[in-house]
Amino acid sequence: MAEDEVFLAERFEADRAHLRAVAYRMLGSLSEADDAVQEAWLRLSGSDTRKVENLTGWLTTVVGRVCLDMLRTRRSRREDPLDVYVPDPIVSGTEGADPEHEALLADSVGLALLVVLEALPPAERLAFVLHDMFGMPFDEIAPIVDRTPAAARQLASRGRRRVRGTGSEPAQAPESDPARGREVVDAFLAASRGGDFEGLLALLDPDVVLRVDVGGPTGDAPAGDAAGVGAPAAGAWASKVVRGARAVSEQALTFRRLAQVTRPVLVNGAPGLVAVDAQQRPLSLAAFVVRDGKITEIDILADPARLSRLDLTGLRTTGPGTTGLGTVT
């Protein structure tokens, strides 16, 4: 390998974590983020960058363009834009994320924020992510979206308003005390296990939102013998959005028996729960947003194909409240 090639490879590796963080926020998919980063490397290795003064900025621009193309392609192929979609989670044990995922979780990129970003038009999402999350100037964003700097500023502003309207932006962080957030989610799990409807109501914000993604309008519920507790009620295993404390409490009781095999984890650095079968294979994964002692959002991933990519081999369960590390591969 030539000296210049060695230098480029070393520089790229130094920027890989940053580029993957950009792509993850842009795409909400870990596998697609890796694809975008790999494409950036291919373009770098085939380009003459001797006159590039800011290689990190150049690579960020390339990743932005690749992600923008991927988002546009994804949107054109999606048959129903109203489909419930929960982005790929980053799962870790309750002791915290491993170093590999720390860059991805910087700036409080919770799953709830990624859900909101999924609803933004591609150009708005890019402008918001690159400017508000990574501080890229609008004169550098403008060529990526084929707009003037002023128009790029407007794109980011529209995206920012949409995010603020949901209360999911990083500045409107969930429960500032992680221990308190964990306590609320653990109480929710205990109430679900015990069939305590009033207890669930007390933990939920009146305007709580529950999103369930099973990979399509309906999905295959876990077999009763897989979990050892019986399958959810017929019709319960479907992609849906449920609003309001009473409706969400009723939904939680529908999955009461599945709660018996549910364990605490961190999902994108926030309190979460994972239900696993006897072989430690994930059956569902839930991320929670807790504000002022109340659960305001719950996002559940129950898509068997995507859950199968969760690596929970490090999950150590010696009791209902003990868990180890699980990561997404």
Protein backbone atom coordinates (compact mmCIF):
# COMPACT_ATOMS: atom_id res chain seq x y z
CA MET A 1 0.00 0.00 0.00
CA ALA A 2 1.36 3.40 -0.99
CA GLU A 3 2.19 5.96 1.66
CA ASP A 4 -0.72 8.20 0.62
CA GLU A 5 -3.12 5.25 0.85
CA VAL A 6 -1.88 4.41 4.34
CA PHE A 7 -2.40 8.02 5.42
CA LEU A 8 -5.95 8.11 4.02
CA ALA A 9 -6.82 4.79 5.67
CA GLU A 10 -5.56 6.03 9.02
CA ARG A 11 -7.44 9.31 8.71
CA PHE A 12 -10.62 7.51 7.72
CA GLU A 13 -10.39 5.18 10.71
CA ALA A 14 -9.91 8.20 12.97
CA ASP A 15 -13.17 9.66 11.61
CA ARG A 16 -15.14 6.40 11.41
CA ALA A 17 -16.94 6.79 14.74
CA HIS A 18 -17.98 10.35 13.87
CA LEU A 19 -19.18 9.34 10.41
CA ARG A 20 -21.15 6.40 11.80
CA ALA A 21 -22.79 8.71 14.36
CA VAL A 22 -23.84 11.08 11.57
CA ALA A 23 -25.20 8.24 9.45
CA TYR A 24 -27.07 6.65 12.37
CA ARG A 25 -28.88 9.91 13.13
CA MET A 26 -29.63 10.37 9.44
CA LEU A 27 -30.91 6.85 8.81
CA GLY A 28 -32.00 5.37 12.16
CA SER A 29 -30.51 2.07 10.99
CA LEU A 30 -27.21 0.65 12.16
CA SER A 31 -26.72 -1.58 9.14
CA GLU A 32 -27.54 1.22 6.71
CA ALA A 33 -25.24 3.55 8.64
CA ASP A 34 -22.41 1.08 8.16
CA ASP A 35 -23.26 0.88 4.45
CA ALA A 36 -23.11 4.67 4.16
CA VAL A 37 -19.75 4.82 5.93
CA GLN A 38 -18.38 2.09 3.67
CA GLU A 39 -19.55 4.01 0.61
CA ALA A 40 -17.74 7.08 1.93
CA TRP A 41 -14.54 5.04 2.13
CA LEU A 42 -14.95 3.84 -1.45
CA ARG A 43 -15.41 7.41 -2.64
CA LEU A 44 -12.44 8.58 -0.60
CA SER A 45 -10.16 5.86 -1.93
CA GLY A 46 -11.15 6.77 -5.50
CA SER A 47 -10.77 10.55 -5.14
CA ASP A 48 -7.87 12.96 -5.33
CA THR A 49 -8.00 14.65 -1.93
CA ARG A 50 -4.59 16.32 -1.99
CA LYS A 51 -6.22 19.76 -2.11
CA VAL A 52 -8.82 18.97 0.57
CA GLU A 53 -7.98 21.06 3.64
CA ASN A 54 -10.64 19.65 5.96
CA LEU A 55 -10.86 15.92 5.35
CA THR A 56 -13.32 15.34 8.21
CA GLY A 57 -15.66 17.93 6.73
CA TRP A 58 -15.24 16.42 3.26
CA LEU A 59 -16.10 12.94 4.57
CA THR A 60 -19.08 14.28 6.55
CA THR A 61 -20.39 15.90 3.36
CA VAL A 62 -19.98 12.62 1.45
CA VAL A 63 -21.81 10.65 4.15
CA GLY A 64 -24.54 13.30 4.15
CA ARG A 65 -25.05 12.95 0.41
CA VAL A 66 -25.07 9.15 0.59
CA CYS A 67 -27.61 9.20 3.43
CA LEU A 68 -29.80 11.72 1.60
CA ASP A 69 -29.93 9.43 -1.43
CA MET A 70 -30.74 6.44 0.79
CA LEU A 71 -33.55 8.33 2.54
CA ARG A 72 -35.08 9.40 -0.76
CA THR A 73 -34.92 5.86 -2.08
CA ARG A 74 -36.45 4.50 1.11
CA ARG A 75 -39.30 7.02 1.01
CA SER A 76 -40.09 6.25 -2.66
CA ARG A 77 -40.28 2.53 -1.89
CA ARG A 78 -42.37 2.78 1.28
CA GLU A 79 -45.91 1.90 0.30
CA ASP A 80 -47.59 3.43 3.31
CA PRO A 81 -45.87 6.52 4.75
CA LEU A 82 -47.96 6.14 7.91
CA ASP A 83 -46.46 2.74 8.77
CA VAL A 84 -45.22 2.60 12.37
CA TYR A 85 -41.43 2.36 12.30
CA VAL A 86 -39.20 2.14 15.36
CA PRO A 87 -35.55 2.80 14.42
CA ASP A 88 -32.74 0.39 15.27
CA PRO A 89 -31.98 0.51 18.99
CA ILE A 90 -28.58 0.50 20.66
CA VAL A 91 -28.97 -1.90 23.57
CA SER A 92 -26.67 -2.18 26.56
CA GLY A 93 -26.79 -3.57 30.04
CA THR A 94 -27.96 -1.38 32.88
CA GLU A 95 -24.34 -0.62 33.75
CA GLY A 96 -23.99 1.42 30.55
CA ALA A 97 -22.96 1.31 26.90
CA ASP A 98 -19.70 -0.18 25.70
CA PRO A 99 -17.07 2.20 24.22
CA GLU A 100 -17.94 1.20 20.64
CA HIS A 101 -21.40 2.71 20.99
CA GLU A 102 -20.59 5.78 23.10
CA ALA A 103 -20.13 8.02 20.05
CA LEU A 104 -23.48 6.88 18.67
CA LEU A 105 -25.21 7.83 21.92
CA ALA A 106 -23.64 11.28 22.33
CA ASP A 107 -25.95 14.30 22.43
CA SER A 108 -28.85 12.33 23.95
CA VAL A 109 -29.91 10.66 20.70
CA GLY A 110 -32.78 8.75 22.23
CA LEU A 111 -34.99 6.38 20.30
CA ALA A 112 -37.93 8.79 20.65
CA LEU A 113 -35.96 11.50 18.83
CA LEU A 114 -35.06 9.08 16.04
CA VAL A 115 -38.76 8.22 15.68
CA VAL A 116 -39.53 11.90 15.15
CA LEU A 117 -36.69 12.26 12.64
CA GLU A 118 -38.23 9.41 10.63
CA ALA A 119 -41.20 11.68 9.90
CA LEU A 120 -39.10 14.53 8.49
CA PRO A 121 -38.63 14.92 4.73
CA PRO A 122 -35.09 13.83 3.76
CA ALA A 123 -33.69 17.32 3.12
CA GLU A 124 -35.13 18.65 6.39
CA ARG A 125 -33.69 15.74 8.29
CA LEU A 126 -30.24 16.25 6.80
CA ALA A 127 -30.22 20.00 7.49
CA PHE A 128 -31.41 19.52 11.07
CA VAL A 129 -29.00 16.69 11.86
CA LEU A 130 -25.91 18.25 10.31
CA HIS A 131 -26.52 21.74 11.73
CA ASP A 132 -28.22 21.19 15.08
CA MET A 133 -26.43 17.99 16.07
CA PHE A 134 -23.03 18.41 14.45
CA GLY A 135 -22.68 22.17 14.00
CA MET A 136 -22.09 22.15 10.24
CA PRO A 137 -22.48 25.66 8.73
CA PHE A 138 -25.36 26.22 6.34
CA ASP A 139 -23.02 27.24 3.52
CA GLU A 140 -21.60 23.69 3.67
CA ILE A 141 -25.04 22.06 3.98
CA ALA A 142 -26.50 24.01 1.04
CA PRO A 143 -24.66 22.15 -1.76
CA ILE A 144 -25.67 18.76 -0.31
CA VAL A 145 -29.38 19.58 -0.56
CA ASP A 146 -28.96 21.69 -3.71
CA ARG A 147 -30.27 24.84 -2.00
CA THR A 148 -28.96 28.27 -1.08
CA PRO A 149 -27.60 28.70 2.47
CA ALA A 150 -30.73 30.66 3.37
CA ALA A 151 -32.96 27.86 2.08
CA ALA A 152 -30.87 25.29 3.98
CA ARG A 153 -31.39 27.36 7.12
CA GLN A 154 -35.14 27.25 6.54
CA LEU A 155 -35.03 23.46 6.13
CA ALA A 156 -33.28 23.08 9.48
CA SER A 157 -35.71 25.53 11.09
CA ARG A 158 -38.73 23.55 9.88
CA GLY A 159 -37.18 20.34 11.14
CA ARG A 160 -36.43 21.97 14.49
CA ARG A 161 -40.04 23.14 14.88
CA ARG A 162 -41.34 19.63 14.18
CA VAL A 163 -38.99 18.12 16.74
CA ARG A 164 -39.80 20.74 19.36
CA GLY A 165 -43.49 20.12 18.81
CA THR A 166 -43.03 16.56 20.04
CA GLY A 167 -40.85 17.40 23.04
CA SER A 168 -38.20 14.97 21.78
CA GLU A 169 -35.29 17.28 21.01
CA PRO A 170 -32.06 16.79 23.02
CA ALA A 171 -32.57 20.10 24.82
CA GLN A 172 -35.84 18.76 26.22
CA ALA A 173 -34.09 15.83 27.82
CA PRO A 174 -35.96 13.06 29.62
CA GLU A 175 -35.66 12.51 33.37
CA SER A 176 -32.39 14.13 34.43
CA ASP A 177 -31.88 11.54 37.16
CA PRO A 178 -31.19 8.17 35.47
CA ALA A 179 -31.90 6.31 38.70
CA ARG A 180 -35.34 7.93 38.93
CA GLY A 181 -36.11 7.03 35.32
CA ARG A 182 -35.05 3.43 35.97
CA GLU A 183 -37.23 3.33 39.09
CA VAL A 184 -40.30 4.44 37.11
CA VAL A 185 -39.74 1.87 34.34
CA ASP A 186 -39.13 -0.91 36.86
CA ALA A 187 -42.37 0.04 38.61
CA PHE A 188 -44.14 -0.14 35.22
CA LEU A 189 -42.77 -3.65 34.71
CA ALA A 190 -43.87 -4.73 38.18
CA ALA A 191 -47.37 -3.35 37.61
CA SER A 192 -47.58 -5.13 34.25
CA ARG A 193 -46.52 -8.42 35.80
CA GLY A 194 -49.03 -8.03 38.59
CA GLY A 195 -51.93 -6.92 36.40
CA ASP A 196 -52.16 -3.70 38.41
CA PHE A 197 -54.21 -1.43 36.15
CA GLU A 198 -54.37 1.46 38.60
CA GLY A 199 -50.65 1.17 39.23
CA LEU A 200 -49.99 1.47 35.50
CA LEU A 201 -52.25 4.51 35.21
CA ALA A 202 -50.35 6.22 38.04
CA LEU A 203 -47.04 5.84 36.17
CA LEU A 204 -48.23 7.08 32.79
CA ASP A 205 -48.57 10.66 31.60
CA PRO A 206 -52.19 11.34 30.56
CA ASP A 207 -51.00 11.97 26.99
CA VAL A 208 -48.57 9.05 26.81
CA VAL A 209 -47.89 7.63 23.33
CA LEU A 210 -47.14 3.95 22.66
CA ARG A 211 -45.71 2.85 19.29
CA VAL A 212 -45.43 -0.81 18.37
CA ASP A 213 -43.47 -1.96 15.31
CA VAL A 214 -43.91 -5.64 14.40
CA GLY A 215 -42.42 -5.25 10.91
CA GLY A 216 -45.67 -4.64 9.05
CA PRO A 217 -49.39 -4.08 9.70
CA THR A 218 -49.44 -7.38 11.61
CA GLY A 219 -46.75 -9.81 12.68
CA ASP A 220 -46.25 -13.25 14.14
CA ALA A 221 -46.62 -13.27 17.89
CA PRO A 222 -44.08 -15.30 19.87
CA ALA A 223 -45.15 -18.91 20.26
CA GLY A 224 -46.37 -19.74 23.72
CA ASP A 225 -43.72 -22.35 24.33
CA ALA A 226 -40.96 -20.02 23.08
CA ALA A 227 -41.45 -17.66 25.97
CA GLY A 228 -42.76 -20.26 28.33
CA VAL A 229 -45.61 -17.98 29.30
CA GLY A 230 -48.10 -18.17 26.43
CA ALA A 231 -48.60 -15.84 23.50
CA PRO A 232 -50.34 -12.46 23.65
CA ALA A 233 -54.04 -12.26 22.97
CA ALA A 234 -55.18 -12.65 19.36
CA GLY A 235 -54.92 -9.38 17.44
CA ALA A 236 -52.59 -7.81 19.99
CA TRP A 237 -49.47 -8.37 17.87
CA ALA A 238 -49.87 -5.60 15.32
CA SER A 239 -48.08 -2.38 14.42
CA LYS A 240 -49.99 0.45 16.03
CA VAL A 241 -49.92 3.79 17.78
CA VAL A 242 -51.83 3.94 21.07
CA ARG A 243 -52.49 7.22 22.85
CA GLY A 244 -53.64 8.01 26.36
CA ALA A 245 -52.88 6.47 29.75
CA ARG A 246 -55.95 4.25 29.93
CA ALA A 247 -55.50 2.78 26.44
CA VAL A 248 -51.77 2.19 27.01
CA SER A 249 -52.48 0.53 30.38
CA GLU A 250 -54.95 -1.81 28.71
CA GLN A 251 -52.34 -2.64 26.07
CA ALA A 252 -49.75 -3.37 28.77
CA LEU A 253 -52.10 -5.81 30.46
CA THR A 254 -52.60 -7.60 27.14
CA PHE A 255 -48.91 -8.52 27.32
CA ARG A 256 -48.99 -9.33 31.03
CA ARG A 257 -47.69 -12.86 30.60
CA LEU A 258 -44.86 -11.73 28.32
CA ALA A 259 -43.80 -9.33 31.09
CA GLN A 260 -42.80 -12.36 33.16
CA VAL A 261 -39.76 -12.90 30.91
CA THR A 262 -38.85 -9.22 30.59
CA ARG A 263 -35.61 -7.78 31.95
CA PRO A 264 -34.24 -4.23 32.36
CA VAL A 265 -31.71 -2.86 29.85
CA LEU A 266 -30.65 0.51 28.51
CA VAL A 267 -31.95 1.47 25.07
CA ASN A 268 -29.98 4.33 23.52
CA GLY A 269 -28.79 5.17 27.00
CA ALA A 270 -32.30 5.42 28.47
CA PRO A 271 -34.29 2.92 30.58
CA GLY A 272 -35.69 0.06 28.55
CA LEU A 273 -36.94 -3.51 28.76
CA VAL A 274 -36.23 -6.63 26.72
CA ALA A 275 -38.35 -9.79 26.72
CA VAL A 276 -36.36 -12.94 25.95
CA ASP A 277 -37.15 -16.62 25.53
CA ALA A 278 -35.44 -19.51 27.31
CA GLN A 279 -32.53 -19.35 24.85
CA GLN A 280 -32.09 -15.59 25.52
CA ARG A 281 -33.46 -14.70 22.08
CA PRO A 282 -35.27 -11.33 22.13
CA LEU A 283 -39.04 -11.38 21.71
CA SER A 284 -39.58 -7.63 22.05
CA LEU A 285 -37.67 -4.53 23.07
CA ALA A 286 -39.16 -1.43 24.67
CA ALA A 287 -37.66 2.05 25.07
CA PHE A 288 -39.18 4.55 27.51
CA VAL A 289 -39.15 8.32 27.88
CA VAL A 290 -39.70 9.47 31.47
CA ARG A 291 -40.29 13.12 32.32
CA ASP A 292 -41.16 14.48 35.76
CA GLY A 293 -41.70 10.98 37.11
CA LYS A 294 -44.19 9.99 34.38
CA ILE A 295 -43.77 7.82 31.28
CA THR A 296 -44.53 9.99 28.24
CA GLU A 297 -43.47 7.68 25.40
CA ILE A 298 -42.95 3.95 24.86
CA ASP A 299 -41.46 2.58 21.64
CA ILE A 300 -41.62 -1.19 21.16
CA LEU A 301 -39.69 -3.09 18.51
CA ALA A 302 -41.26 -6.52 17.93
CA ASP A 303 -40.15 -7.19 14.36
CA PRO A 304 -38.76 -10.76 14.42
CA ALA A 305 -36.37 -10.14 11.51
CA ARG A 306 -34.80 -7.08 13.12
CA LEU A 307 -34.85 -8.56 16.61
CA SER A 308 -32.87 -11.52 15.29
CA ARG A 309 -29.98 -9.12 14.66
CA LEU A 310 -29.81 -8.19 18.33
CA ASP A 311 -26.83 -9.82 20.00
CA LEU A 312 -27.85 -10.60 23.57
CA THR A 313 -25.30 -13.33 24.17
CA GLY A 314 -23.86 -11.24 26.98
CA LEU A 315 -27.19 -11.02 28.76
CA ARG A 316 -26.73 -12.40 32.26
CA THR A 317 -29.96 -13.09 34.07
CA THR A 318 -29.87 -14.48 37.58
CA GLY A 319 -33.14 -12.85 38.53
CA PRO A 320 -35.82 -10.44 37.33
CA GLY A 321 -33.71 -7.37 38.01
CA THR A 322 -30.33 -8.53 36.73
CA THR A 323 -29.06 -8.06 33.22
CA GLY A 324 -25.82 -7.90 31.31
CA LEU A 325 -24.76 -6.43 28.03
CA GLY A 326 -26.62 -6.69 24.78
CA THR A 327 -25.55 -4.91 21.60
CA VAL A 328 -26.79 -4.54 18.07
CA THR A 329 -24.67 -6.15 15.40
